[in-house]
Amino acid sequence: MPARPVADETLQLIAAVRDALAEHLGADAVVDERTLFGGHAFMVHEKLCLAVKGEDLLVRLPPAEHEATAETPGLRELDPRGGMRGYFWVEPDAYATRAQWQRWIAGALAFNPQAKASPRRRKEPGASGLQARRKNHGP
């Protein structure tokens, strides 16, 4: 099945995040982009910093400020059960002005140096899951 086309609004938001990161970090900064949480994620220093899903912007902010940040209109927690403290989806109304946009971008970038990187999962070289099971448990 072919991939669904990405909406113009989503592409514009992804481009805006790229531009903002280049503006704040410099054009030569290494920012890894990948699919994560069903959206387009921006990894800064190998840590999730920002992401885009539809018209929503995901920001990673200090977990210690989670409760206060959660009360901001136009935000919703990534995990409503509270399992991912500091991760918020910002709806378009909450990043519509330049000041709001700068708040979220600058906040995520300011926290990034203190954020913990998730360990990368490694696959056994050259072995699929089935091959690995056979190797360990016979045919």
C-alpha atoms as a PDB file:
ATOM      1  CA  MET A   1       0.000   0.000   0.000  1.00  0.00           C
ATOM      2  CA  PRO A   2       1.479   3.395  -0.918  1.00  0.00           C
ATOM      3  CA  ALA A   3       2.185   5.894   1.816  1.00  0.00           C
ATOM      4  CA  ARG A   4      -0.503   8.485   2.426  1.00  0.00           C
ATOM      5  CA  PRO A   5       0.398  11.965   1.253  1.00  0.00           C
ATOM      6  CA  VAL A   6       1.343  14.401   3.971  1.00  0.00           C
ATOM      7  CA  ALA A   7      -1.000  17.371   4.295  1.00  0.00           C
ATOM      8  CA  ASP A   8       0.308  20.769   3.216  1.00  0.00           C
ATOM      9  CA  GLU A   9      -0.195  22.143   6.737  1.00  0.00           C
ATOM     10  CA  THR A  10       1.980  19.373   8.169  1.00  0.00           C
ATOM     11  CA  LEU A  11       4.709  19.978   5.586  1.00  0.00           C
ATOM     12  CA  GLN A  12       4.629  23.699   6.378  1.00  0.00           C
ATOM     13  CA  LEU A  13       4.945  23.019  10.107  1.00  0.00           C
ATOM     14  CA  ILE A  14       7.869  20.613   9.523  1.00  0.00           C
ATOM     15  CA  ALA A  15       9.592  23.284   7.407  1.00  0.00           C
ATOM     16  CA  ALA A  16       8.948  25.909  10.097  1.00  0.00           C
ATOM     17  CA  VAL A  17      10.535  23.678  12.754  1.00  0.00           C
ATOM     18  CA  ARG A  18      13.566  23.069  10.472  1.00  0.00           C
ATOM     19  CA  ASP A  19      13.933  26.816   9.966  1.00  0.00           C
ATOM     20  CA  ALA A  20      13.592  27.524  13.683  1.00  0.00           C
ATOM     21  CA  LEU A  21      16.212  24.910  14.556  1.00  0.00           C
ATOM     22  CA  ALA A  22      18.612  26.306  11.953  1.00  0.00           C
ATOM     23  CA  GLU A  23      18.010  29.821  13.308  1.00  0.00           C
ATOM     24  CA  HIS A  24      18.665  28.799  16.917  1.00  0.00           C
ATOM     25  CA  LEU A  25      21.403  26.202  16.389  1.00  0.00           C
ATOM     26  CA  GLY A  26      23.056  27.380  13.191  1.00  0.00           C
ATOM     27  CA  ALA A  27      22.810  25.962   9.710  1.00  0.00           C
ATOM     28  CA  ASP A  28      25.593  23.425  10.370  1.00  0.00           C
ATOM     29  CA  ALA A  29      23.915  21.847  13.410  1.00  0.00           C
ATOM     30  CA  VAL A  30      23.282  18.124  13.209  1.00  0.00           C
ATOM     31  CA  VAL A  31      19.585  17.441  13.639  1.00  0.00           C
ATOM     32  CA  ASP A  32      18.377  13.911  12.963  1.00  0.00           C
ATOM     33  CA  GLU A  33      14.845  13.627  11.603  1.00  0.00           C
ATOM     34  CA  ARG A  34      12.862  10.404  11.919  1.00  0.00           C
ATOM     35  CA  THR A  35       9.394   8.985  12.334  1.00  0.00           C
ATOM     36  CA  LEU A  36       8.366   8.775  15.975  1.00  0.00           C
ATOM     37  CA  PHE A  37       5.002   8.805  17.803  1.00  0.00           C
ATOM     38  CA  GLY A  38       3.327   8.615  14.387  1.00  0.00           C
ATOM     39  CA  GLY A  39       4.839  11.953  13.417  1.00  0.00           C
ATOM     40  CA  HIS A  40       8.015  13.623  12.202  1.00  0.00           C
ATOM     41  CA  ALA A  41      10.540  13.951  15.045  1.00  0.00           C
ATOM     42  CA  PHE A  42      13.574  16.203  15.366  1.00  0.00           C
ATOM     43  CA  MET A  43      16.415  14.753  17.405  1.00  0.00           C
ATOM     44  CA  VAL A  44      18.955  17.270  18.696  1.00  0.00           C
ATOM     45  CA  HIS A  45      22.135  15.799  20.205  1.00  0.00           C
ATOM     46  CA  GLU A  46      20.546  12.348  19.743  1.00  0.00           C
ATOM     47  CA  LYS A  47      17.600  13.293  21.994  1.00  0.00           C
ATOM     48  CA  LEU A  48      14.006  13.980  21.062  1.00  0.00           C
ATOM     49  CA  CYS A  49      13.499  17.726  21.112  1.00  0.00           C
ATOM     50  CA  LEU A  50      10.491  18.507  18.895  1.00  0.00           C
ATOM     51  CA  ALA A  51       8.081  16.659  16.626  1.00  0.00           C
ATOM     52  CA  VAL A  52       5.205  17.364  14.269  1.00  0.00           C
ATOM     53  CA  LYS A  53       2.049  15.306  13.874  1.00  0.00           C
ATOM     54  CA  GLY A  54      -0.675  16.796  11.722  1.00  0.00           C
ATOM     55  CA  GLU A  55      -0.906  20.398  12.840  1.00  0.00           C
ATOM     56  CA  ASP A  56       0.321  19.705  16.372  1.00  0.00           C
ATOM     57  CA  LEU A  57       3.812  20.428  17.641  1.00  0.00           C
ATOM     58  CA  LEU A  58       5.355  18.082  20.208  1.00  0.00           C
ATOM     59  CA  VAL A  59       7.729  19.764  22.655  1.00  0.00           C
ATOM     60  CA  ARG A  60       9.970  18.197  25.273  1.00  0.00           C
ATOM     61  CA  LEU A  61      10.256  20.423  28.331  1.00  0.00           C
ATOM     62  CA  PRO A  62      11.615  20.002  31.874  1.00  0.00           C
ATOM     63  CA  PRO A  63       9.683  17.274  33.726  1.00  0.00           C
ATOM     64  CA  ALA A  64       9.905  19.323  36.930  1.00  0.00           C
ATOM     65  CA  GLU A  65       7.669  21.951  35.274  1.00  0.00           C
ATOM     66  CA  HIS A  66       5.128  19.422  33.995  1.00  0.00           C
ATOM     67  CA  GLU A  67       2.183  20.365  36.211  1.00  0.00           C
ATOM     68  CA  ALA A  68       2.512  24.104  35.626  1.00  0.00           C
ATOM     69  CA  THR A  69       2.975  23.640  31.876  1.00  0.00           C
ATOM     70  CA  ALA A  70       0.024  21.231  31.642  1.00  0.00           C
ATOM     71  CA  GLU A  71      -2.328  24.043  32.667  1.00  0.00           C
ATOM     72  CA  THR A  72      -1.458  26.084  29.563  1.00  0.00           C
ATOM     73  CA  PRO A  73      -4.447  26.368  27.195  1.00  0.00           C
ATOM     74  CA  GLY A  74      -3.939  24.533  23.913  1.00  0.00           C
ATOM     75  CA  LEU A  75      -1.638  21.873  25.344  1.00  0.00           C
ATOM     76  CA  ARG A  76      -2.238  18.218  26.010  1.00  0.00           C
ATOM     77  CA  GLU A  77       0.075  15.687  27.548  1.00  0.00           C
ATOM     78  CA  LEU A  78       1.688  13.108  25.278  1.00  0.00           C
ATOM     79  CA  ASP A  79       0.646  10.452  27.777  1.00  0.00           C
ATOM     80  CA  PRO A  80      -2.534  11.433  29.626  1.00  0.00           C
ATOM     81  CA  ARG A  81      -1.693   8.837  32.298  1.00  0.00           C
ATOM     82  CA  GLY A  82       1.362  10.931  33.211  1.00  0.00           C
ATOM     83  CA  GLY A  83       3.992   8.441  32.078  1.00  0.00           C
ATOM     84  CA  MET A  84       5.922  10.882  29.884  1.00  0.00           C
ATOM     85  CA  ARG A  85       6.495  13.933  32.032  1.00  0.00           C
ATOM     86  CA  GLY A  86       7.581  17.011  30.110  1.00  0.00           C
ATOM     87  CA  TYR A  87       6.214  15.901  26.727  1.00  0.00           C
ATOM     88  CA  PHE A  88       3.337  18.000  25.368  1.00  0.00           C
ATOM     89  CA  TRP A  89       1.378  18.355  22.157  1.00  0.00           C
ATOM     90  CA  VAL A  90       0.931  22.039  21.362  1.00  0.00           C
ATOM     91  CA  GLU A  91      -2.183  22.755  19.298  1.00  0.00           C
ATOM     92  CA  PRO A  92      -2.109  25.428  16.557  1.00  0.00           C
ATOM     93  CA  ASP A  93      -3.879  28.076  18.668  1.00  0.00           C
ATOM     94  CA  ALA A  94      -1.111  27.784  21.269  1.00  0.00           C
ATOM     95  CA  TYR A  95       1.713  28.466  18.786  1.00  0.00           C
ATOM     96  CA  ALA A  96      -0.105  30.906  16.481  1.00  0.00           C
ATOM     97  CA  THR A  97       1.795  34.043  17.498  1.00  0.00           C
ATOM     98  CA  ARG A  98       5.527  34.624  17.115  1.00  0.00           C
ATOM     99  CA  ALA A  99       5.892  34.917  20.906  1.00  0.00           C
ATOM    100  CA  GLN A 100       4.089  31.608  21.480  1.00  0.00           C
ATOM    101  CA  TRP A 101       6.149  29.872  18.766  1.00  0.00           C
ATOM    102  CA  GLN A 102       9.405  31.184  20.235  1.00  0.00           C
ATOM    103  CA  ARG A 103       8.358  30.069  23.722  1.00  0.00           C
ATOM    104  CA  TRP A 104       7.962  26.428  22.663  1.00  0.00           C
ATOM    105  CA  ILE A 105      11.017  26.245  20.396  1.00  0.00           C
ATOM    106  CA  ALA A 106      13.297  28.030  22.875  1.00  0.00           C
ATOM    107  CA  GLY A 107      11.925  26.001  25.803  1.00  0.00           C
ATOM    108  CA  ALA A 108      12.552  22.668  24.077  1.00  0.00           C
ATOM    109  CA  LEU A 109      16.050  23.708  22.988  1.00  0.00           C
ATOM    110  CA  ALA A 110      16.926  25.057  26.449  1.00  0.00           C
ATOM    111  CA  PHE A 111      15.964  21.747  28.057  1.00  0.00           C
ATOM    112  CA  ASN A 112      17.653  19.549  25.446  1.00  0.00           C
ATOM    113  CA  PRO A 113      21.168  19.608  26.984  1.00  0.00           C
ATOM    114  CA  GLN A 114      19.757  18.298  30.302  1.00  0.00           C
ATOM    115  CA  ALA A 115      17.393  15.749  28.703  1.00  0.00           C
ATOM    116  CA  LYS A 116      18.300  12.108  28.942  1.00  0.00           C
ATOM    117  CA  ALA A 117      18.772  10.212  25.711  1.00  0.00           C
ATOM    118  CA  SER A 118      16.842   6.990  25.299  1.00  0.00           C
ATOM    119  CA  PRO A 119      19.116   4.024  24.752  1.00  0.00           C
ATOM    120  CA  ARG A 120      19.052   2.775  21.167  1.00  0.00           C
ATOM    121  CA  ARG A 121      17.747  -0.724  20.644  1.00  0.00           C
ATOM    122  CA  ARG A 122      20.257  -2.911  18.872  1.00  0.00           C
ATOM    123  CA  LYS A 123      19.501  -5.888  16.707  1.00  0.00           C
ATOM    124  CA  GLU A 124      21.788  -8.874  16.527  1.00  0.00           C
ATOM    125  CA  PRO A 125      23.821  -8.326  13.338  1.00  0.00           C
ATOM    126  CA  GLY A 126      22.455 -10.310  10.431  1.00  0.00           C
ATOM    127  CA  ALA A 127      19.823 -12.164  12.465  1.00  0.00           C
ATOM    128  CA  SER A 128      16.099 -11.720  12.318  1.00  0.00           C
ATOM    129  CA  GLY A 129      14.022 -12.544  15.374  1.00  0.00           C
ATOM    130  CA  LEU A 130      13.250 -16.016  14.050  1.00  0.00           C
ATOM    131  CA  GLN A 131      16.908 -16.730  13.304  1.00  0.00           C
ATOM    132  CA  ALA A 132      17.909 -15.528  16.748  1.00  0.00           C
ATOM    133  CA  ARG A 133      15.332 -17.838  18.392  1.00  0.00           C
ATOM    134  CA  ARG A 134      16.532 -20.802  16.353  1.00  0.00           C
ATOM    135  CA  LYS A 135      20.127 -20.047  17.262  1.00  0.00           C
ATOM    136  CA  ASN A 136      19.297 -20.034  20.956  1.00  0.00           C
ATOM    137  CA  HIS A 137      16.651 -22.751  21.101  1.00  0.00           C
ATOM    138  CA  GLY A 138      17.304 -25.098  18.207  1.00  0.00           C
ATOM    139  CA  PRO A 139      15.109 -25.685  15.117  1.00  0.00           C
END
